[in-house]
Every structure is written in structure tokens, then in C-alpha cells.
């Protein structure tokens, strides 16, 4: 069993997770894979999906892992594949992977 993080590490992890979840929410809202952002002032519409994806990111080794996570989350949440082409999963995963890499780089440097 891994040691529990100390208070400073715990606060850093919470901040990083919030940053990831907020950024992923923004990406999903902008890319709007299920069409709920059109003319919608509530930019947090994808917050629960973003949080689910963010929980998976520590285990992701590449964009293919992120793509699988995005696909699984949307299938679980909406019960059917995303509207539009299957490549939409890939495009979303690439955006999330780039964002995640930036966040991790900033946190370590």
C-alpha cells in the first residue's frame, strides 16, 4: 500500500486534479461532442464527464488510453456513441492529452 501524501502533497494533488477537471470541462464544452453547448450559457455542462476522465489520467500512457477513457465515459453517461464521426473521440483525446501534458509540466517545473 502506498504511503498517504503529506498535507502539502495532498493540497498539490487536489489543485492539480481541479485544474485538470476544469480544463477538460472547457475542452468538452468547446468541442461539444453531444451538442449540449450550443446557445448554452452553462459552461459546466460536461463537468461530471470531465471529472470521470480526469480520474483516469494518472494511468494513461498515451492518447489511445485517453481515447478509450473518453469513449467509455460517454458511453456510460449517454448510453450510446458520440454523435458525429468516430474520429471525434480521437480529437478530444488529443486535446486532453496536450492539456494534461502542459499541466504536468507546469506542476513539475
C-alpha atoms as a PDB file:
ATOM      1  CA  UNK A   1       0.000   0.000   0.000  1.00  0.00           C
ATOM      2  CA  UNK A   2       1.302   3.436  -0.910  1.00  0.00           C
ATOM      3  CA  UNK A   3       2.015   5.936   1.806  1.00  0.00           C
ATOM      4  CA  UNK A   4      -0.574   8.630   2.252  1.00  0.00           C
ATOM      5  CA  UNK A   5       0.541  12.014   0.941  1.00  0.00           C
ATOM      6  CA  UNK A   6       1.517  14.647   3.445  1.00  0.00           C
ATOM      7  CA  UNK A   7      -0.608  17.798   3.709  1.00  0.00           C
ATOM      8  CA  UNK A   8       1.438  19.794   1.181  1.00  0.00           C
ATOM      9  CA  UNK A   9       1.354  16.962  -1.363  1.00  0.00           C
ATOM     10  CA  UNK A  10      -2.363  16.428  -0.777  1.00  0.00           C
ATOM     11  CA  UNK A  11      -3.109  20.103  -1.466  1.00  0.00           C
ATOM     12  CA  UNK A  12      -0.964  19.997  -4.603  1.00  0.00           C
ATOM     13  CA  UNK A  13      -2.805  16.888  -5.861  1.00  0.00           C
ATOM     14  CA  UNK A  14      -6.210  18.454  -5.207  1.00  0.00           C
ATOM     15  CA  UNK A  15      -5.189  21.619  -7.046  1.00  0.00           C
ATOM     16  CA  UNK A  16      -3.811  19.617  -9.978  1.00  0.00           C
ATOM     17  CA  UNK A  17      -6.976  17.494 -10.158  1.00  0.00           C
ATOM     18  CA  UNK A  18      -9.195  20.604 -10.123  1.00  0.00           C
ATOM     19  CA  UNK A  19      -7.071  22.166 -12.853  1.00  0.00           C
ATOM     20  CA  UNK A  20      -7.360  19.006 -14.957  1.00  0.00           C
ATOM     21  CA  UNK A  21     -11.112  18.636 -14.427  1.00  0.00           C
ATOM     22  CA  UNK A  22     -11.758  22.323 -15.175  1.00  0.00           C
ATOM     23  CA  UNK A  23      -9.595  22.218 -18.300  1.00  0.00           C
ATOM     24  CA  UNK A  24     -11.237  19.043 -19.573  1.00  0.00           C
ATOM     25  CA  UNK A  25     -14.670  20.567 -18.932  1.00  0.00           C
ATOM     26  CA  UNK A  26     -13.646  23.524 -21.066  1.00  0.00           C
ATOM     27  CA  UNK A  27     -12.333  21.261 -23.846  1.00  0.00           C
ATOM     28  CA  UNK A  28     -15.517  19.195 -23.878  1.00  0.00           C
ATOM     29  CA  UNK A  29     -17.728  22.287 -23.872  1.00  0.00           C
ATOM     30  CA  UNK A  30     -15.765  23.792 -26.776  1.00  0.00           C
ATOM     31  CA  UNK A  31     -15.775  20.557 -28.790  1.00  0.00           C
ATOM     32  CA  UNK A  32     -19.358  19.776 -27.689  1.00  0.00           C
ATOM     33  CA  UNK A  33     -19.479  16.073 -28.576  1.00  0.00           C
ATOM     34  CA  UNK A  34     -23.182  15.590 -27.763  1.00  0.00           C
ATOM     35  CA  UNK A  35     -24.473  19.007 -28.815  1.00  0.00           C
ATOM     36  CA  UNK A  36     -25.423  20.468 -25.426  1.00  0.00           C
ATOM     37  CA  UNK A  37     -23.245  23.604 -25.555  1.00  0.00           C
ATOM     38  CA  UNK A  38     -24.985  25.358 -28.437  1.00  0.00           C
ATOM     39  CA  UNK A  39     -26.558  28.563 -27.125  1.00  0.00           C
ATOM     40  CA  UNK A  40     -25.992  27.315 -23.572  1.00  0.00           C
ATOM     41  CA  UNK A  41     -24.538  29.774 -21.025  1.00  0.00           C
ATOM     42  CA  UNK A  42     -23.808  26.945 -18.549  1.00  0.00           C
ATOM     43  CA  UNK A  43     -20.192  26.119 -19.387  1.00  0.00           C
ATOM     44  CA  UNK A  44     -20.068  23.359 -16.759  1.00  0.00           C
ATOM     45  CA  UNK A  45     -22.400  21.017 -18.673  1.00  0.00           C
ATOM     46  CA  UNK A  46     -19.614  18.457 -19.125  1.00  0.00           C
ATOM     47  CA  UNK A  47     -18.191  18.740 -15.583  1.00  0.00           C
ATOM     48  CA  UNK A  48     -19.152  15.234 -14.440  1.00  0.00           C
ATOM     49  CA  UNK A  49     -17.746  13.629 -17.598  1.00  0.00           C
ATOM     50  CA  UNK A  50     -14.587  15.705 -17.230  1.00  0.00           C
ATOM     51  CA  UNK A  51     -14.141  14.559 -13.620  1.00  0.00           C
ATOM     52  CA  UNK A  52     -14.528  10.921 -14.678  1.00  0.00           C
ATOM     53  CA  UNK A  53     -11.925  11.362 -17.412  1.00  0.00           C
ATOM     54  CA  UNK A  54      -9.554  13.234 -15.058  1.00  0.00           C
ATOM     55  CA  UNK A  55      -9.639  10.318 -12.589  1.00  0.00           C
ATOM     56  CA  UNK A  56      -8.346   8.038 -15.315  1.00  0.00           C
ATOM     57  CA  UNK A  57      -5.460  10.272 -16.469  1.00  0.00           C
ATOM     58  CA  UNK A  58      -2.782   9.143 -13.972  1.00  0.00           C
ATOM     59  CA  UNK A  59      -2.962   5.676 -15.574  1.00  0.00           C
ATOM     60  CA  UNK A  60      -2.968   6.926 -19.196  1.00  0.00           C
ATOM     61  CA  UNK A  61       0.225   6.207 -21.093  1.00  0.00           C
ATOM     62  CA  UNK A  62      -0.770   7.792 -24.415  1.00  0.00           C
ATOM     63  CA  UNK A  63      -3.606   9.355 -26.397  1.00  0.00           C
ATOM     64  CA  UNK A  64      -5.051   5.925 -27.175  1.00  0.00           C
ATOM     65  CA  UNK A  65      -5.586   5.329 -23.452  1.00  0.00           C
ATOM     66  CA  UNK A  66      -7.272   8.725 -23.156  1.00  0.00           C
ATOM     67  CA  UNK A  67      -9.418   7.970 -26.219  1.00  0.00           C
ATOM     68  CA  UNK A  68     -10.618   4.726 -24.601  1.00  0.00           C
ATOM     69  CA  UNK A  69     -11.425   6.601 -21.388  1.00  0.00           C
ATOM     70  CA  UNK A  70     -13.385   9.280 -23.247  1.00  0.00           C
ATOM     71  CA  UNK A  71     -15.311   6.639 -25.195  1.00  0.00           C
ATOM     72  CA  UNK A  72     -16.132   4.654 -22.031  1.00  0.00           C
ATOM     73  CA  UNK A  73     -17.240   7.747 -20.116  1.00  0.00           C
ATOM     74  CA  UNK A  74     -19.532   8.955 -22.867  1.00  0.00           C
ATOM     75  CA  UNK A  75     -20.990   5.511 -23.420  1.00  0.00           C
ATOM     76  CA  UNK A  76     -21.635   5.179 -19.686  1.00  0.00           C
ATOM     77  CA  UNK A  77     -23.104   8.654 -19.336  1.00  0.00           C
ATOM     78  CA  UNK A  78     -25.164   8.842 -22.507  1.00  0.00           C
ATOM     79  CA  UNK A  79     -25.699   5.174 -23.364  1.00  0.00           C
ATOM     80  CA  UNK A  80     -24.687   5.488 -26.979  1.00  0.00           C
ATOM     81  CA  UNK A  81     -21.699   6.535 -29.068  1.00  0.00           C
ATOM     82  CA  UNK A  82     -20.951  10.190 -29.617  1.00  0.00           C
ATOM     83  CA  UNK A  83     -22.744  11.983 -32.364  1.00  0.00           C
ATOM     84  CA  UNK A  84     -20.549  12.557 -35.387  1.00  0.00           C
ATOM     85  CA  UNK A  85     -17.552  10.632 -36.643  1.00  0.00           C
ATOM     86  CA  UNK A  86     -15.629   8.115 -34.531  1.00  0.00           C
ATOM     87  CA  UNK A  87     -12.552  10.312 -35.012  1.00  0.00           C
ATOM     88  CA  UNK A  88     -14.214  12.768 -32.652  1.00  0.00           C
ATOM     89  CA  UNK A  89     -13.037  10.591 -29.734  1.00  0.00           C
ATOM     90  CA  UNK A  90      -9.507  10.843 -31.077  1.00  0.00           C
ATOM     91  CA  UNK A  91      -9.706  14.629 -31.492  1.00  0.00           C
ATOM     92  CA  UNK A  92     -10.997  15.068 -27.950  1.00  0.00           C
ATOM     93  CA  UNK A  93      -8.327  12.700 -26.591  1.00  0.00           C
ATOM     94  CA  UNK A  94      -5.568  14.642 -28.367  1.00  0.00           C
ATOM     95  CA  UNK A  95      -6.784  17.916 -26.878  1.00  0.00           C
ATOM     96  CA  UNK A  96      -6.998  16.393 -23.394  1.00  0.00           C
ATOM     97  CA  UNK A  97      -3.551  14.750 -23.735  1.00  0.00           C
ATOM     98  CA  UNK A  98      -1.951  18.066 -24.768  1.00  0.00           C
ATOM     99  CA  UNK A  99      -3.629  19.916 -21.920  1.00  0.00           C
ATOM    100  CA  UNK A 100      -2.672  17.224 -19.396  1.00  0.00           C
ATOM    101  CA  UNK A 101       0.951  17.341 -20.546  1.00  0.00           C
ATOM    102  CA  UNK A 102       1.020  21.123 -20.048  1.00  0.00           C
ATOM    103  CA  UNK A 103      -0.465  20.846 -16.556  1.00  0.00           C
ATOM    104  CA  UNK A 104       2.013  18.162 -15.525  1.00  0.00           C
ATOM    105  CA  UNK A 105       4.936  20.133 -16.940  1.00  0.00           C
ATOM    106  CA  UNK A 106       3.856  23.251 -15.021  1.00  0.00           C
ATOM    107  CA  UNK A 107       3.390  21.251 -11.803  1.00  0.00           C
ATOM    108  CA  UNK A 108       6.841  19.682 -12.005  1.00  0.00           C
ATOM    109  CA  UNK A 109       8.714  22.793 -13.021  1.00  0.00           C
END
